[in-house]
Every structure is written in C-alpha cells, then in structure tokens.
Amino acid sequence: MLRRLTSPSFRKKVFAPVNSNIPDFSQNSPIFDNSGISNEPVYVPAEKHKPEPAPSPLQWALSILLLFLTFCTTTFAGFFYATGFLGIRNPASLLFPPDPRMLAACVSFSFPLIGILTAHELGHYFACRHYGMKCTPPYFIPAPLPLTGTLGAFIKIKSHFRNKRALFDIGIAGPLAGFLFSLPVLWIGISISRLTPKLPAGFTGLTFGEPLIFRLIGIAALGYAPERQDMIAHPMAMAGWVGLLATSLNLLPIWQLDGGHISYAVFGAKRHKKLSYAAVASLIIVSFMGWPTPSYLLFALMLLIIGWRLRFYHPAPLTDEGPLGPGRIILALAALLILILSFTPIPITA
C-alpha cells in the first residue's frame, strides 16, 4: 500500500492538479511586501475559558467539619503554650474543672492560627475562582501534635493553569494573604508577652528560633533586647510564629509548593527544576545546623524522595501569553523578602 501511494503515477494524479491551481506570484506582488512588518514577537491572547463549577455543598460541608476538628486539635496544642506562659506547674488542676484563664489562653492560640491558615488558603481559592478554575474549598488537616495541632491546610486544584500569569497569581496569593494576616497577630501577641533576663546556658527545655520579622516586631512592640533578654511568648504570639513557619516553607522554590509555582512562572521549567534541587539540598544542610534537633530534615527528605521519583515535574500552563510584566516581578521580589523575613534556620532547639 505504501509503494502504491508513493508511486510516480499516483503523485501525478493526486498532486499535479493541486499544484496547478496555485497562482504564480512574482516578487513584485504586494503579498510579498514586508517593509512594514515588525520582527517583534506578537502574543495572541488565548481564547477565554468558560468558568468551571464552584465547589459543591458536600465539599463545603467536609471543609467545615475539618475546620471544627482542627479548631479542637489546635486548642489542645494551645494548652502547651498556655501552661508555659501562665507558669503553671500542675496544669491538670486547671482542666477539672476548667479554668477560664487556661481556656482563654488556649483559644488565643487556636483562633489566630486558624485565621492565618484560612487567609492563606482563601487567597489561593479566590485566585482560582478569579481565573474560572475548578478547585476544592480549603481542607484543614487536624493532628494531635503538641506544638501546632495541625499539619496545615490545602486546596486541590482540578484544572490546568490557564497561563503563566494565572500560575503566578494563584501561587503568590496564599502566602501573601497569610503573611499579611500574621502581622497583626504577631504585633498583638508579642505586645502582651513577657520579657525575662537571659536564660542560663544550662537551661533545659524547648526554645524557639526567632524569624527576623518576629524579632523586629518584638523590638518595636515590647522593647525586646535579644542580646540580654529572652521572651516568654504569649500563645497568640506563638500562633503568629507557626504562621510564619508555614508561610516560609510554602515559599521555598521547590516543586509544586507555592514558591515552586512562582519560580516556574518567573524562570521557566528548566530553571525551576534546578532551583528545586538546590533548595532541597540547602534545606537538608540547614537542618543540621540545629543538630541533634532535626528541624526541617524530615520535611526536606519527604520533598526529595517524592520530587526525585517524579523528577520534580511541574505541569506546564496551557498557553504562554508572554512576559509576566513589571508588576508581577515586583510581587515576586516581595515574596522573596517575605521568605527572608519569615524563615528561621533553627526553628526549635531541645
């Protein structure tokens, strides 16, 4: 069959009549006049997509249920910070019957922390809906952990990213909203914290690293002098601290974290992959700074194993409508600044 289709007689029958119908344009014909043609690339706007359906009532019901469970577990985690701040040696005596001071201190941790996580995820959610993309409501992850009470929250995006601008906007909306919500929480929480003389070198217990923005607010709101003082942080201040931790980890330019979306939109696929490997390696190295406390080691190894198996694959946007523009580049630099202000190399020392 292949020889028959490519035989000379077949070509004459099929292609010759077609070729004979093509006009013979000369070089002087106006169709070849390229004097007014620009060599600059022209970006043709992609066809507008029809907005996809919003989350169902059942999805919102699941979101609310997980929110309630996370409120319970984060209130339980607030008990850990409340006992230290209130200086209670026998905390069980305040639980049966419940002490109003203890309950207020626990809730002052859970409410602000859930507010920060909600602001972060709603930033992603509203950005998705702005571009007509299908996604779930925020899903919170309750966890009976003494330090956080949660493993965070997430939304699941069920549509392809329309273009690089949508990818960038959705990636940065969450950390930006969460960070802005963290600032008043930190200011109020730190302003009602207490200062003590520097703890002795042989102190046994948990100490928390101070992100740069935490220390700056401490100096401005409380007169904190880190070189000669320690801060006994109010539970609300610790909610802000956990919020900063979540924001900084999400902004790392790794794989499909928020920072990964931003770096992909700004630098492209090849540089995004290189940045992912470099950031994971850096996170592993930083984890040994606080040894024997592993800090970020488990998180970094999880990202490395999963990312390595998937070769740090990031889905490409459907269309490429040209450069991001100066406004988004400025926002990308703002995201880098937020990462620097929020990150602490040694978050916890035992």
Protein backbone atom coordinates (compact mmCIF):
# COMPACT_ATOMS: atom_id res chain seq x y z
CA MET A 1 0.00 0.00 0.00
CA LEU A 2 2.82 2.40 0.81
CA ARG A 3 4.52 1.81 -2.57
CA ARG A 4 1.28 2.34 -4.41
CA LEU A 5 0.60 5.68 -2.71
CA THR A 6 4.10 6.96 -3.38
CA SER A 7 4.38 5.78 -6.96
CA PRO A 8 5.00 8.41 -9.71
CA SER A 9 1.64 7.77 -11.31
CA PHE A 10 -0.17 8.38 -8.01
CA ARG A 11 1.73 11.62 -7.45
CA LYS A 12 0.77 12.85 -10.92
CA LYS A 13 -2.90 12.07 -10.38
CA VAL A 14 -3.18 13.49 -6.88
CA PHE A 15 -0.62 16.26 -6.55
CA ALA A 16 -0.25 17.67 -10.03
CA PRO A 17 -3.80 19.10 -10.24
CA VAL A 18 -3.39 20.66 -6.81
CA ASN A 19 -0.08 22.28 -7.73
CA SER A 20 -1.52 23.57 -10.98
CA ASN A 21 -4.14 25.57 -9.08
CA ILE A 22 -1.56 27.61 -7.11
CA PRO A 23 -1.11 31.13 -8.60
CA ASP A 24 2.33 32.15 -9.77
CA PHE A 25 3.15 35.13 -7.56
CA SER A 26 6.05 37.30 -8.61
CA GLN A 27 8.42 39.03 -6.23
CA ASN A 28 6.84 42.36 -7.12
CA SER A 29 3.45 41.22 -5.87
CA PRO A 30 2.14 43.19 -2.86
CA ILE A 31 1.71 39.98 -0.88
CA PHE A 32 5.49 39.79 -0.53
CA ASP A 33 5.90 43.42 0.57
CA ASN A 34 7.39 43.06 4.07
CA SER A 35 8.54 46.65 4.51
CA GLY A 36 6.04 47.32 7.28
CA ILE A 37 6.40 44.02 9.08
CA SER A 38 7.92 44.08 12.58
CA ASN A 39 10.25 41.36 13.80
CA GLU A 40 8.95 41.68 17.36
CA PRO A 41 7.01 38.65 18.65
CA VAL A 42 3.27 39.05 18.75
CA TYR A 43 1.34 37.32 21.54
CA VAL A 44 -2.14 36.31 20.59
CA PRO A 45 -4.50 36.25 23.58
CA ALA A 46 -5.78 32.79 24.36
CA GLU A 47 -9.42 32.05 23.97
CA LYS A 48 -11.35 32.79 27.14
CA HIS A 49 -12.31 29.66 29.03
CA LYS A 50 -15.73 29.09 30.39
CA PRO A 51 -15.67 29.28 34.22
CA GLU A 52 -15.76 25.85 35.79
CA PRO A 53 -18.25 24.98 38.53
CA ALA A 54 -17.71 26.09 42.12
CA PRO A 55 -17.28 23.53 44.93
CA SER A 56 -20.35 21.53 45.83
CA PRO A 57 -22.24 21.89 49.15
CA LEU A 58 -20.87 18.48 50.17
CA GLN A 59 -17.29 19.73 49.70
CA TRP A 60 -18.04 22.81 51.80
CA ALA A 61 -19.58 20.58 54.49
CA LEU A 62 -16.39 18.50 54.62
CA SER A 63 -14.35 21.69 54.82
CA ILE A 64 -16.37 22.96 57.78
CA LEU A 65 -16.08 19.59 59.56
CA LEU A 66 -12.30 19.56 59.14
CA LEU A 67 -12.19 23.18 60.30
CA PHE A 68 -14.03 22.26 63.51
CA LEU A 69 -11.76 19.27 64.16
CA THR A 70 -8.69 21.42 63.56
CA PHE A 71 -10.03 24.03 65.97
CA CYS A 72 -10.23 21.30 68.62
CA THR A 73 -6.71 19.99 68.00
CA THR A 74 -5.13 23.47 67.83
CA THR A 75 -6.91 24.44 71.06
CA PHE A 76 -5.37 21.35 72.61
CA ALA A 77 -1.96 22.46 71.27
CA GLY A 78 -2.56 25.89 72.79
CA PHE A 79 -2.59 24.16 76.18
CA PHE A 80 1.14 23.51 75.73
CA TYR A 81 1.92 27.22 75.28
CA ALA A 82 -0.61 28.37 77.87
CA THR A 83 0.95 26.39 80.70
CA GLY A 84 4.38 27.85 79.95
CA PHE A 85 3.13 31.41 79.65
CA LEU A 86 0.96 31.22 82.78
CA GLY A 87 3.74 29.47 84.73
CA ILE A 88 1.51 26.60 85.84
CA ARG A 89 3.29 23.62 87.38
CA ASN A 90 0.23 21.37 87.67
CA PRO A 91 -1.85 22.09 84.54
CA ALA A 92 -4.21 19.16 85.15
CA SER A 93 -5.65 21.03 88.14
CA LEU A 94 -6.93 23.72 85.77
CA LEU A 95 -8.70 21.27 83.49
CA PHE A 96 -11.01 19.64 86.04
CA PRO A 97 -12.90 21.86 86.49
CA PRO A 98 -11.81 24.04 83.52
CA ASP A 99 -10.13 27.30 84.44
CA PRO A 100 -11.28 30.33 82.38
CA ARG A 101 -7.71 31.65 82.18
CA MET A 102 -6.48 28.40 80.68
CA LEU A 103 -9.36 28.21 78.21
CA ALA A 104 -8.79 31.81 77.09
CA ALA A 105 -5.06 31.20 76.65
CA CYS A 106 -5.66 28.03 74.60
CA VAL A 107 -8.21 29.70 72.35
CA SER A 108 -5.88 32.69 71.87
CA PHE A 109 -3.59 30.24 70.07
CA SER A 110 -6.14 28.28 68.04
CA PHE A 111 -8.27 31.14 66.71
CA PRO A 112 -5.41 33.25 65.29
CA LEU A 113 -3.63 30.21 63.83
CA ILE A 114 -6.77 29.03 62.05
CA GLY A 115 -7.29 32.59 60.85
CA ILE A 116 -3.81 32.65 59.30
CA LEU A 117 -4.28 29.27 57.61
CA THR A 118 -7.73 30.29 56.37
CA ALA A 119 -6.41 33.54 54.91
CA HIS A 120 -3.64 31.62 53.15
CA GLU A 121 -5.94 29.05 51.57
CA LEU A 122 -8.68 31.52 50.69
CA GLY A 123 -6.04 33.53 48.86
CA HIS A 124 -5.45 30.50 46.64
CA TYR A 125 -9.17 29.76 46.40
CA PHE A 126 -10.28 33.21 45.27
CA ALA A 127 -7.39 33.43 42.81
CA CYS A 128 -8.51 30.12 41.29
CA ARG A 129 -12.10 31.28 41.05
CA HIS A 130 -10.95 34.59 39.52
CA TYR A 131 -9.50 32.59 36.65
CA GLY A 132 -12.55 30.33 36.45
CA MET A 133 -10.62 27.26 37.59
CA LYS A 134 -12.09 24.34 39.44
CA CYS A 135 -10.81 23.75 42.97
CA THR A 136 -11.93 22.46 46.33
CA PRO A 137 -12.64 24.60 49.40
CA PRO A 138 -9.85 24.84 52.00
CA TYR A 139 -9.33 21.48 53.67
CA PHE A 140 -7.69 21.63 57.11
CA ILE A 141 -5.59 18.78 58.47
CA PRO A 142 -6.19 18.20 62.19
CA ALA A 143 -3.35 16.50 64.05
CA PRO A 144 -2.96 15.94 67.80
CA LEU A 145 0.54 17.43 67.83
CA PRO A 146 1.60 19.41 70.92
CA LEU A 147 3.32 22.24 69.03
CA THR A 148 0.89 23.02 66.21
CA GLY A 149 -2.25 20.90 66.48
CA THR A 150 -2.40 20.75 62.70
CA LEU A 151 -0.42 19.83 59.62
CA GLY A 152 -1.76 22.87 57.81
CA ALA A 153 -4.41 23.19 55.15
CA PHE A 154 -4.67 22.87 51.38
CA ILE A 155 -6.93 23.24 48.39
CA LYS A 156 -6.91 20.80 45.49
CA ILE A 157 -6.79 22.45 42.07
CA LYS A 158 -8.63 20.33 39.50
CA SER A 159 -7.99 22.45 36.39
CA HIS A 160 -4.93 23.14 34.30
CA PHE A 161 -3.32 26.51 34.84
CA ARG A 162 -4.50 28.77 32.00
CA ASN A 163 -1.22 30.63 31.55
CA LYS A 164 1.88 31.79 33.43
CA ARG A 165 0.08 34.77 34.90
CA ALA A 166 -2.63 32.56 36.40
CA LEU A 167 0.05 30.23 37.77
CA PHE A 168 1.91 33.14 39.34
CA ASP A 169 -1.19 34.82 40.79
CA ILE A 170 -2.54 31.61 42.32
CA GLY A 171 0.88 30.69 43.73
CA ILE A 172 1.56 34.04 45.41
CA ALA A 173 -1.98 34.84 46.61
CA GLY A 174 -1.85 32.36 49.50
CA PRO A 175 1.48 33.30 51.12
CA LEU A 176 0.78 37.00 50.64
CA ALA A 177 -2.63 36.79 52.35
CA GLY A 178 -1.32 34.56 55.15
CA PHE A 179 1.66 36.82 55.84
CA LEU A 180 -0.45 39.99 55.96
CA PHE A 181 -2.86 38.28 58.38
CA SER A 182 0.09 37.17 60.53
CA LEU A 183 1.37 40.71 61.11
CA PRO A 184 -1.42 41.98 63.43
CA VAL A 185 -1.48 38.60 65.18
CA LEU A 186 2.25 38.91 65.87
CA TRP A 187 2.02 42.53 66.97
CA ILE A 188 -0.82 41.90 69.46
CA GLY A 189 0.64 38.61 70.70
CA ILE A 190 4.15 39.96 71.21
CA SER A 191 2.91 43.15 72.88
CA ILE A 192 1.25 41.07 75.64
CA SER A 193 4.22 38.71 76.04
CA ARG A 194 6.74 38.94 78.88
CA LEU A 195 10.46 39.62 78.95
CA THR A 196 12.94 37.96 81.30
CA PRO A 197 16.70 38.19 81.79
CA LYS A 198 18.74 35.93 79.54
CA LEU A 199 18.30 32.27 80.48
CA PRO A 200 21.40 30.47 81.83
CA ALA A 201 23.49 28.39 79.44
CA GLY A 202 22.44 25.12 81.10
CA PHE A 203 18.72 25.74 80.57
CA THR A 204 16.80 22.58 79.68
CA GLY A 205 13.63 22.87 77.66
CA LEU A 206 12.35 23.94 74.26
CA THR A 207 13.48 27.22 72.81
CA PHE A 208 12.15 28.62 69.54
CA GLY A 209 14.15 30.37 66.87
CA GLU A 210 13.13 33.90 66.03
CA PRO A 211 12.39 34.85 62.42
CA LEU A 212 13.63 38.30 61.51
CA ILE A 213 10.13 39.82 61.40
CA PHE A 214 9.35 38.28 64.82
CA ARG A 215 12.41 39.92 66.34
CA LEU A 216 11.75 43.28 64.68
CA ILE A 217 8.18 43.37 65.97
CA GLY A 218 9.44 42.35 69.42
CA ILE A 219 11.82 45.31 69.45
CA ALA A 220 9.14 47.73 68.24
CA ALA A 221 6.16 46.49 70.29
CA LEU A 222 7.78 45.28 73.51
CA GLY A 223 11.23 46.88 73.71
CA TYR A 224 12.82 43.47 73.31
CA ALA A 225 16.62 43.38 73.59
CA PRO A 226 17.66 39.89 72.32
CA GLU A 227 21.27 40.23 73.41
CA ARG A 228 20.32 40.45 77.12
CA GLN A 229 16.70 39.29 77.31
CA ASP A 230 14.51 36.31 76.46
CA MET A 231 10.84 36.44 75.60
CA ILE A 232 8.17 34.28 77.18
CA ALA A 233 5.78 34.43 74.25
CA HIS A 234 2.03 34.65 74.67
CA PRO A 235 0.10 31.83 72.92
CA MET A 236 -1.15 34.37 70.34
CA ALA A 237 2.45 35.28 69.51
CA MET A 238 3.20 31.59 69.04
CA ALA A 239 0.23 31.30 66.67
CA GLY A 240 1.89 34.02 64.60
CA TRP A 241 5.20 32.15 64.85
CA VAL A 242 3.63 28.96 63.47
CA GLY A 243 2.00 31.04 60.74
CA LEU A 244 5.40 32.43 59.74
CA LEU A 245 6.84 28.91 59.68
CA ALA A 246 4.07 27.71 57.36
CA THR A 247 4.48 30.75 55.11
CA SER A 248 8.25 30.38 54.80
CA LEU A 249 8.10 26.66 53.98
CA ASN A 250 5.43 27.24 51.35
CA LEU A 251 7.52 29.98 49.72
CA LEU A 252 10.53 27.74 49.17
CA PRO A 253 11.09 27.46 45.38
CA ILE A 254 10.58 23.71 45.39
CA TRP A 255 8.48 21.60 43.05
CA GLN A 256 4.74 22.39 43.46
CA LEU A 257 4.94 24.40 46.66
CA ASP A 258 3.70 27.97 46.33
CA GLY A 259 7.28 29.15 45.82
CA GLY A 260 7.65 26.48 43.14
CA HIS A 261 4.68 27.90 41.23
CA ILE A 262 6.17 31.38 41.47
CA SER A 263 9.65 30.28 40.33
CA TYR A 264 8.18 28.30 37.40
CA ALA A 265 6.22 31.33 36.23
CA VAL A 266 9.23 33.65 36.57
CA PHE A 267 12.13 31.45 35.38
CA GLY A 268 10.57 28.68 33.29
CA ALA A 269 10.65 24.89 33.51
CA LYS A 270 14.41 24.20 33.33
CA ARG A 271 15.48 26.76 35.92
CA HIS A 272 12.55 25.79 38.14
CA LYS A 273 13.80 22.20 38.27
CA LYS A 274 17.37 23.31 39.08
CA LEU A 275 16.07 25.63 41.79
CA SER A 276 14.05 22.78 43.28
CA TYR A 277 17.11 20.54 43.62
CA ALA A 278 19.21 23.38 45.03
CA ALA A 279 16.54 24.45 47.55
CA VAL A 280 16.01 20.89 48.82
CA ALA A 281 19.76 20.38 49.21
CA SER A 282 20.05 23.70 51.06
CA LEU A 283 17.17 22.76 53.38
CA ILE A 284 18.88 19.47 54.26
CA ILE A 285 22.14 21.29 55.05
CA VAL A 286 20.32 23.89 57.16
CA SER A 287 18.63 21.07 59.10
CA PHE A 288 21.98 20.01 60.56
CA MET A 289 22.62 23.48 61.99
CA GLY A 290 20.41 22.67 64.97
CA TRP A 291 21.53 19.06 65.40
CA PRO A 292 20.56 16.86 67.24
CA THR A 293 17.16 18.53 66.76
CA PRO A 294 16.31 17.56 63.15
CA SER A 295 14.23 20.70 62.39
CA TYR A 296 13.49 20.59 58.64
CA LEU A 297 15.20 17.29 57.86
CA LEU A 298 12.07 15.13 57.68
CA PHE A 299 10.25 17.70 55.54
CA ALA A 300 13.22 18.05 53.19
CA LEU A 301 13.69 14.29 52.81
CA MET A 302 9.98 13.86 52.06
CA LEU A 303 10.19 16.52 49.32
CA LEU A 304 13.39 14.97 47.97
CA ILE A 305 12.01 11.42 47.78
CA ILE A 306 8.69 12.37 46.22
CA GLY A 307 10.21 15.02 43.96
CA TRP A 308 13.03 12.72 42.83
CA ARG A 309 10.60 9.97 41.86
CA LEU A 310 8.52 12.46 39.87
CA ARG A 311 11.66 14.29 38.62
CA PHE A 312 10.26 17.46 40.19
CA TYR A 313 7.67 17.58 37.43
CA HIS A 314 5.57 20.72 37.30
CA PRO A 315 2.59 20.87 34.91
CA ALA A 316 3.05 23.45 32.19
CA PRO A 317 0.38 26.14 31.71
CA LEU A 318 -1.96 25.64 28.75
CA THR A 319 -0.79 28.79 26.97
CA ASP A 320 2.10 31.22 27.14
CA GLU A 321 0.87 34.77 26.78
CA GLY A 322 4.23 36.46 27.06
CA PRO A 323 6.15 38.03 29.96
CA LEU A 324 4.67 38.47 33.42
CA GLY A 325 5.15 42.23 33.41
CA PRO A 326 6.90 44.52 35.89
CA GLY A 327 4.08 44.41 38.46
CA ARG A 328 4.36 40.66 38.96
CA ILE A 329 8.16 40.80 39.01
CA ILE A 330 7.88 43.28 41.91
CA LEU A 331 5.49 40.89 43.66
CA ALA A 332 7.99 38.05 43.13
CA LEU A 333 10.67 40.15 44.85
CA ALA A 334 8.17 40.85 47.65
CA ALA A 335 7.67 37.09 48.03
CA LEU A 336 11.44 36.65 48.32
CA LEU A 337 11.52 39.36 51.01
CA ILE A 338 8.68 37.62 52.91
CA LEU A 339 10.65 34.36 52.77
CA ILE A 340 13.72 36.08 54.24
CA LEU A 341 11.68 37.76 56.99
CA SER A 342 9.73 34.60 57.90
CA PHE A 343 12.35 31.85 57.73
CA THR A 344 14.34 30.76 60.76
CA PRO A 345 17.29 28.38 60.23
CA ILE A 346 16.84 26.66 63.61
CA PRO A 347 13.14 26.69 64.46
CA ILE A 348 13.31 24.57 67.65
CA THR A 349 16.11 23.65 69.99
CA ALA A 350 15.56 20.98 72.63
